[in-house]
Amino acid sequence: MKYNDLFDANGIFTQTEHYLLRRIFPEDKPYYQQLAKAETPHFLQSTPLTGASALAWEDLLAEEHLTCSILERDTQAFCGFCQLQWVFSPAPELGIDLLPLYQKHGVATEVLPVFLSRAKKILPIDHFYSKIKKNNLPSQRLAEKIGGICIGEKSLLPANFSKEMAAFAEKEFPDFFFYEYHFPAKKE
């Protein structure tokens, strides 16, 4: 299957009762930048690294990642993105990011199972995985609700960090610590 074959003629990957998941378009970039700024760790927001979102935007458009904009069906209002990175691999990474206005309203609960179901049907996937920040309890609960299994803790720290330094870093920089979840991808 080729990347362009993932979408219908209107760029739609799939849809739910209330939302469309369509191919990301260049006009979505301002929304992505708004989300990227909100997701940038607080201590990096006033540094040159905040400009890194421009590079990530190019990654979103890359054909090895299935990135869909989430739109309200009735109004076409932009709600956020969902993505499978390395979509043609047997274990793509799942991610979702919603604008604050759409968080905690069941959007992810409605969208992700349909998104994953469609991907399972048309792609050679063994399982999905997702990295969820340790301090993000709502996302952890969502992952478990839609069938994710927590397989362990991970961090962005070098392996040779002492336990004392790691404990300090976890307290001061919680965005560096996450749980990895796996989602089975049995064909339906």
C-alpha atoms as a PDB file:
ATOM      1  CA  MET A   1       0.000   0.000   0.000  1.00  0.00           C
ATOM      2  CA  LYS A   2       1.237   3.485  -0.836  1.00  0.00           C
ATOM      3  CA  TYR A   3       0.828   6.479   1.459  1.00  0.00           C
ATOM      4  CA  ASN A   4      -1.675   8.270  -0.779  1.00  0.00           C
ATOM      5  CA  ASP A   5      -3.857   5.135  -0.799  1.00  0.00           C
ATOM      6  CA  LEU A   6      -4.520   5.602   2.931  1.00  0.00           C
ATOM      7  CA  PHE A   7      -6.919   8.487   2.223  1.00  0.00           C
ATOM      8  CA  ASP A   8     -10.054   8.911   0.138  1.00  0.00           C
ATOM      9  CA  ALA A   9     -10.337  11.558  -2.602  1.00  0.00           C
ATOM     10  CA  ASN A  10     -11.116  14.242   0.025  1.00  0.00           C
ATOM     11  CA  GLY A  11      -8.120  13.330   2.171  1.00  0.00           C
ATOM     12  CA  ILE A  12     -10.235  11.495   4.776  1.00  0.00           C
ATOM     13  CA  PHE A  13      -8.594   8.554   6.581  1.00  0.00           C
ATOM     14  CA  THR A  14     -11.644   7.666   8.683  1.00  0.00           C
ATOM     15  CA  GLN A  15     -14.496   9.266  10.594  1.00  0.00           C
ATOM     16  CA  THR A  16     -16.537   8.831  13.727  1.00  0.00           C
ATOM     17  CA  GLU A  17     -20.003  10.012  14.633  1.00  0.00           C
ATOM     18  CA  HIS A  18     -18.698  13.492  15.516  1.00  0.00           C
ATOM     19  CA  TYR A  19     -15.224  13.812  13.942  1.00  0.00           C
ATOM     20  CA  LEU A  20     -13.354  13.525  10.653  1.00  0.00           C
ATOM     21  CA  LEU A  21      -9.754  12.354  10.587  1.00  0.00           C
ATOM     22  CA  ARG A  22      -8.247  13.784   7.449  1.00  0.00           C
ATOM     23  CA  ARG A  23      -4.807  14.087   5.989  1.00  0.00           C
ATOM     24  CA  ILE A  24      -2.790  16.947   7.467  1.00  0.00           C
ATOM     25  CA  PHE A  25      -2.690  19.974   5.162  1.00  0.00           C
ATOM     26  CA  PRO A  26      -0.318  22.975   5.116  1.00  0.00           C
ATOM     27  CA  GLU A  27      -3.113  25.232   6.386  1.00  0.00           C
ATOM     28  CA  ASP A  28      -3.091  23.213   9.637  1.00  0.00           C
ATOM     29  CA  LYS A  29       0.387  24.492  10.552  1.00  0.00           C
ATOM     30  CA  PRO A  30      -0.740  27.385  12.832  1.00  0.00           C
ATOM     31  CA  TYR A  31      -2.826  24.940  14.880  1.00  0.00           C
ATOM     32  CA  TYR A  32       0.102  22.566  15.161  1.00  0.00           C
ATOM     33  CA  GLN A  33       2.381  25.386  16.292  1.00  0.00           C
ATOM     34  CA  GLN A  34      -0.136  26.313  18.978  1.00  0.00           C
ATOM     35  CA  LEU A  35      -0.147  22.697  20.187  1.00  0.00           C
ATOM     36  CA  ALA A  36       3.651  22.404  20.008  1.00  0.00           C
ATOM     37  CA  LYS A  37       4.087  25.481  22.171  1.00  0.00           C
ATOM     38  CA  ALA A  38       1.664  24.133  24.757  1.00  0.00           C
ATOM     39  CA  GLU A  39       3.544  20.799  24.820  1.00  0.00           C
ATOM     40  CA  THR A  40       7.018  22.336  25.088  1.00  0.00           C
ATOM     41  CA  PRO A  41       8.310  21.880  28.628  1.00  0.00           C
ATOM     42  CA  HIS A  42       7.995  25.109  30.583  1.00  0.00           C
ATOM     43  CA  PHE A  43      11.725  25.533  31.103  1.00  0.00           C
ATOM     44  CA  LEU A  44      12.335  25.428  27.313  1.00  0.00           C
ATOM     45  CA  GLN A  45       9.597  27.853  26.258  1.00  0.00           C
ATOM     46  CA  SER A  46      11.861  30.925  26.237  1.00  0.00           C
ATOM     47  CA  THR A  47      14.845  29.261  24.565  1.00  0.00           C
ATOM     48  CA  PRO A  48      15.903  28.828  20.951  1.00  0.00           C
ATOM     49  CA  LEU A  49      14.738  25.198  21.200  1.00  0.00           C
ATOM     50  CA  THR A  50      11.113  26.300  20.955  1.00  0.00           C
ATOM     51  CA  GLY A  51      11.796  26.865  17.243  1.00  0.00           C
ATOM     52  CA  ALA A  52      12.285  23.123  16.874  1.00  0.00           C
ATOM     53  CA  SER A  53       8.558  22.787  16.183  1.00  0.00           C
ATOM     54  CA  ALA A  54       9.238  23.929  12.597  1.00  0.00           C
ATOM     55  CA  LEU A  55      11.320  20.786  12.103  1.00  0.00           C
ATOM     56  CA  ALA A  56       8.633  18.649  13.711  1.00  0.00           C
ATOM     57  CA  TRP A  57       6.077  20.147  11.306  1.00  0.00           C
ATOM     58  CA  GLU A  58       8.080  18.752   8.392  1.00  0.00           C
ATOM     59  CA  ASP A  59       8.067  15.368  10.151  1.00  0.00           C
ATOM     60  CA  LEU A  60       4.272  15.481  10.393  1.00  0.00           C
ATOM     61  CA  LEU A  61       4.091  15.812   6.619  1.00  0.00           C
ATOM     62  CA  ALA A  62       6.544  12.967   5.991  1.00  0.00           C
ATOM     63  CA  GLU A  63       5.021   9.893   4.380  1.00  0.00           C
ATOM     64  CA  GLU A  64       6.487   7.533   6.980  1.00  0.00           C
ATOM     65  CA  HIS A  65       4.070   9.078   9.493  1.00  0.00           C
ATOM     66  CA  LEU A  66       0.294   8.878   9.207  1.00  0.00           C
ATOM     67  CA  THR A  67      -0.785  12.232  10.619  1.00  0.00           C
ATOM     68  CA  CYS A  68      -4.453  13.148  10.651  1.00  0.00           C
ATOM     69  CA  SER A  69      -6.058  16.423  11.614  1.00  0.00           C
ATOM     70  CA  ILE A  70      -9.105  15.893  13.790  1.00  0.00           C
ATOM     71  CA  LEU A  71     -12.038  18.053  12.684  1.00  0.00           C
ATOM     72  CA  GLU A  72     -15.562  18.374  14.026  1.00  0.00           C
ATOM     73  CA  ARG A  73     -17.833  16.870  11.382  1.00  0.00           C
ATOM     74  CA  ASP A  74     -20.525  19.549  11.584  1.00  0.00           C
ATOM     75  CA  THR A  75     -18.403  22.695  11.785  1.00  0.00           C
ATOM     76  CA  GLN A  76     -15.066  21.526  10.341  1.00  0.00           C
ATOM     77  CA  ALA A  77     -13.463  23.149  13.418  1.00  0.00           C
ATOM     78  CA  PHE A  78      -9.914  21.966  14.015  1.00  0.00           C
ATOM     79  CA  CYS A  79      -9.606  19.943  17.263  1.00  0.00           C
ATOM     80  CA  GLY A  80      -6.099  18.456  17.116  1.00  0.00           C
ATOM     81  CA  PHE A  81      -3.969  15.719  15.550  1.00  0.00           C
ATOM     82  CA  CYS A  82      -3.508  12.007  15.867  1.00  0.00           C
ATOM     83  CA  GLN A  83      -0.565  10.188  14.407  1.00  0.00           C
ATOM     84  CA  LEU A  84       1.105   6.878  13.811  1.00  0.00           C
ATOM     85  CA  GLN A  85       4.836   7.398  13.426  1.00  0.00           C
ATOM     86  CA  TRP A  86       6.614   4.897  11.167  1.00  0.00           C
ATOM     87  CA  VAL A  87       3.222   3.802   9.874  1.00  0.00           C
ATOM     88  CA  PHE A  88       4.566   1.082   7.569  1.00  0.00           C
ATOM     89  CA  SER A  89       6.518  -0.631  10.358  1.00  0.00           C
ATOM     90  CA  PRO A  90       5.054  -3.517  12.384  1.00  0.00           C
ATOM     91  CA  ALA A  91       5.023  -1.344  15.560  1.00  0.00           C
ATOM     92  CA  PRO A  92       4.119   2.303  14.879  1.00  0.00           C
ATOM     93  CA  GLU A  93       4.045   4.844  17.686  1.00  0.00           C
ATOM     94  CA  LEU A  94       0.638   6.323  18.491  1.00  0.00           C
ATOM     95  CA  GLY A  95       0.194   9.925  19.527  1.00  0.00           C
ATOM     96  CA  ILE A  96      -2.630  12.410  19.898  1.00  0.00           C
ATOM     97  CA  ASP A  97      -2.657  16.071  20.758  1.00  0.00           C
ATOM     98  CA  LEU A  98      -5.778  18.184  21.208  1.00  0.00           C
ATOM     99  CA  LEU A  99      -6.295  21.906  21.517  1.00  0.00           C
ATOM    100  CA  PRO A 100      -7.175  22.806  25.142  1.00  0.00           C
ATOM    101  CA  LEU A 101     -10.768  23.618  24.126  1.00  0.00           C
ATOM    102  CA  TYR A 102     -11.267  19.962  23.090  1.00  0.00           C
ATOM    103  CA  GLN A 103      -9.474  18.247  25.962  1.00  0.00           C
ATOM    104  CA  LYS A 104     -11.492  16.357  28.573  1.00  0.00           C
ATOM    105  CA  HIS A 105     -14.577  16.163  26.327  1.00  0.00           C
ATOM    106  CA  GLY A 106     -14.235  12.577  25.089  1.00  0.00           C
ATOM    107  CA  VAL A 107     -12.681  13.447  21.721  1.00  0.00           C
ATOM    108  CA  ALA A 108      -9.729  11.074  22.142  1.00  0.00           C
ATOM    109  CA  THR A 109     -11.967   8.322  23.522  1.00  0.00           C
ATOM    110  CA  GLU A 110     -14.146   8.535  20.411  1.00  0.00           C
ATOM    111  CA  VAL A 111     -11.394   9.064  17.844  1.00  0.00           C
ATOM    112  CA  LEU A 112      -8.541   6.734  18.840  1.00  0.00           C
ATOM    113  CA  PRO A 113     -10.368   3.363  18.692  1.00  0.00           C
ATOM    114  CA  VAL A 114     -11.693   4.169  15.205  1.00  0.00           C
ATOM    115  CA  PHE A 115      -8.284   5.461  14.067  1.00  0.00           C
ATOM    116  CA  LEU A 116      -6.531   2.314  15.323  1.00  0.00           C
ATOM    117  CA  SER A 117      -9.206   0.000  13.936  1.00  0.00           C
ATOM    118  CA  ARG A 118      -8.854   1.476  10.459  1.00  0.00           C
ATOM    119  CA  ALA A 119      -5.050   1.247  10.631  1.00  0.00           C
ATOM    120  CA  LYS A 120      -5.245  -2.423  11.733  1.00  0.00           C
ATOM    121  CA  LYS A 121      -7.438  -3.278   8.750  1.00  0.00           C
ATOM    122  CA  ILE A 122      -5.206  -1.778   6.065  1.00  0.00           C
ATOM    123  CA  LEU A 123      -1.631  -1.871   7.394  1.00  0.00           C
ATOM    124  CA  PRO A 124       0.771  -4.692   8.380  1.00  0.00           C
ATOM    125  CA  ILE A 125       0.856  -3.818  12.096  1.00  0.00           C
ATOM    126  CA  ASP A 126       1.729  -6.244  14.921  1.00  0.00           C
ATOM    127  CA  HIS A 127       1.070  -3.742  17.725  1.00  0.00           C
ATOM    128  CA  PHE A 128       1.012  -0.040  18.468  1.00  0.00           C
ATOM    129  CA  TYR A 129       2.887   1.658  21.273  1.00  0.00           C
ATOM    130  CA  SER A 130       2.696   5.037  22.946  1.00  0.00           C
ATOM    131  CA  LYS A 131       4.902   6.994  25.324  1.00  0.00           C
ATOM    132  CA  ILE A 132       2.852   8.796  27.972  1.00  0.00           C
ATOM    133  CA  LYS A 133       4.370  11.198  30.470  1.00  0.00           C
ATOM    134  CA  LYS A 134       4.361   9.811  34.008  1.00  0.00           C
ATOM    135  CA  ASN A 135       2.567  12.918  35.266  1.00  0.00           C
ATOM    136  CA  ASN A 136      -0.209  12.659  32.623  1.00  0.00           C
ATOM    137  CA  LEU A 137      -2.796  10.562  34.466  1.00  0.00           C
ATOM    138  CA  PRO A 138      -5.706  11.334  32.072  1.00  0.00           C
ATOM    139  CA  SER A 139      -3.724   9.988  29.098  1.00  0.00           C
ATOM    140  CA  GLN A 140      -2.697   6.909  31.065  1.00  0.00           C
ATOM    141  CA  ARG A 141      -6.348   6.214  31.929  1.00  0.00           C
ATOM    142  CA  LEU A 142      -7.339   6.766  28.288  1.00  0.00           C
ATOM    143  CA  ALA A 143      -4.665   4.347  27.059  1.00  0.00           C
ATOM    144  CA  GLU A 144      -5.924   1.670  29.439  1.00  0.00           C
ATOM    145  CA  LYS A 145      -9.549   2.375  28.524  1.00  0.00           C
ATOM    146  CA  ILE A 146      -8.870   1.711  24.836  1.00  0.00           C
ATOM    147  CA  GLY A 147      -6.866  -1.457  25.461  1.00  0.00           C
ATOM    148  CA  GLY A 148      -3.327  -0.239  26.141  1.00  0.00           C
ATOM    149  CA  ILE A 149      -1.100  -2.198  28.491  1.00  0.00           C
ATOM    150  CA  CYS A 150       1.628  -0.425  30.452  1.00  0.00           C
ATOM    151  CA  ILE A 151       4.865  -2.354  29.909  1.00  0.00           C
ATOM    152  CA  GLY A 152       7.263  -0.178  31.891  1.00  0.00           C
ATOM    153  CA  GLU A 153       8.858   3.117  32.772  1.00  0.00           C
ATOM    154  CA  LYS A 154      11.331   4.965  30.550  1.00  0.00           C
ATOM    155  CA  SER A 155      13.189   8.247  30.669  1.00  0.00           C
ATOM    156  CA  LEU A 156      15.072  10.534  28.330  1.00  0.00           C
ATOM    157  CA  LEU A 157      18.052  10.557  30.708  1.00  0.00           C
ATOM    158  CA  PRO A 158      21.350   8.887  29.824  1.00  0.00           C
ATOM    159  CA  ALA A 159      21.608   5.335  31.159  1.00  0.00           C
ATOM    160  CA  ASN A 160      24.619   6.217  33.312  1.00  0.00           C
ATOM    161  CA  PHE A 161      22.768   8.785  35.475  1.00  0.00           C
ATOM    162  CA  SER A 162      23.103   8.023  39.167  1.00  0.00           C
ATOM    163  CA  LYS A 163      19.936   7.149  41.084  1.00  0.00           C
ATOM    164  CA  GLU A 164      20.248  10.391  43.069  1.00  0.00           C
ATOM    165  CA  MET A 165      20.546  12.513  39.927  1.00  0.00           C
ATOM    166  CA  ALA A 166      17.646  10.646  38.310  1.00  0.00           C
ATOM    167  CA  ALA A 167      15.452  11.196  41.384  1.00  0.00           C
ATOM    168  CA  PHE A 168      16.270  14.926  41.311  1.00  0.00           C
ATOM    169  CA  ALA A 169      15.613  15.112  37.571  1.00  0.00           C
ATOM    170  CA  GLU A 170      12.268  13.337  37.926  1.00  0.00           C
ATOM    171  CA  LYS A 171      11.171  15.902  40.491  1.00  0.00           C
ATOM    172  CA  GLU A 172      12.460  18.941  38.560  1.00  0.00           C
ATOM    173  CA  PHE A 173      11.880  17.777  34.959  1.00  0.00           C
ATOM    174  CA  PRO A 174       8.880  15.419  34.959  1.00  0.00           C
ATOM    175  CA  ASP A 175       8.484  15.726  31.158  1.00  0.00           C
ATOM    176  CA  PHE A 176      11.587  13.521  30.778  1.00  0.00           C
ATOM    177  CA  PHE A 177       9.846  10.507  32.337  1.00  0.00           C
ATOM    178  CA  PHE A 178       7.129   8.394  30.787  1.00  0.00           C
ATOM    179  CA  TYR A 179       5.408   5.042  30.689  1.00  0.00           C
ATOM    180  CA  GLU A 180       5.375   2.952  27.550  1.00  0.00           C
ATOM    181  CA  TYR A 181       2.038   1.421  26.580  1.00  0.00           C
ATOM    182  CA  HIS A 182       1.461  -1.309  24.019  1.00  0.00           C
ATOM    183  CA  PHE A 183      -1.800  -1.818  22.166  1.00  0.00           C
ATOM    184  CA  PRO A 184      -2.504  -5.180  20.544  1.00  0.00           C
ATOM    185  CA  ALA A 185      -3.293  -5.071  16.858  1.00  0.00           C
ATOM    186  CA  LYS A 186      -5.197  -8.264  16.207  1.00  0.00           C
ATOM    187  CA  LYS A 187      -6.908  -8.131  12.862  1.00  0.00           C
ATOM    188  CA  GLU A 188     -10.676  -7.729  13.177  1.00  0.00           C
END
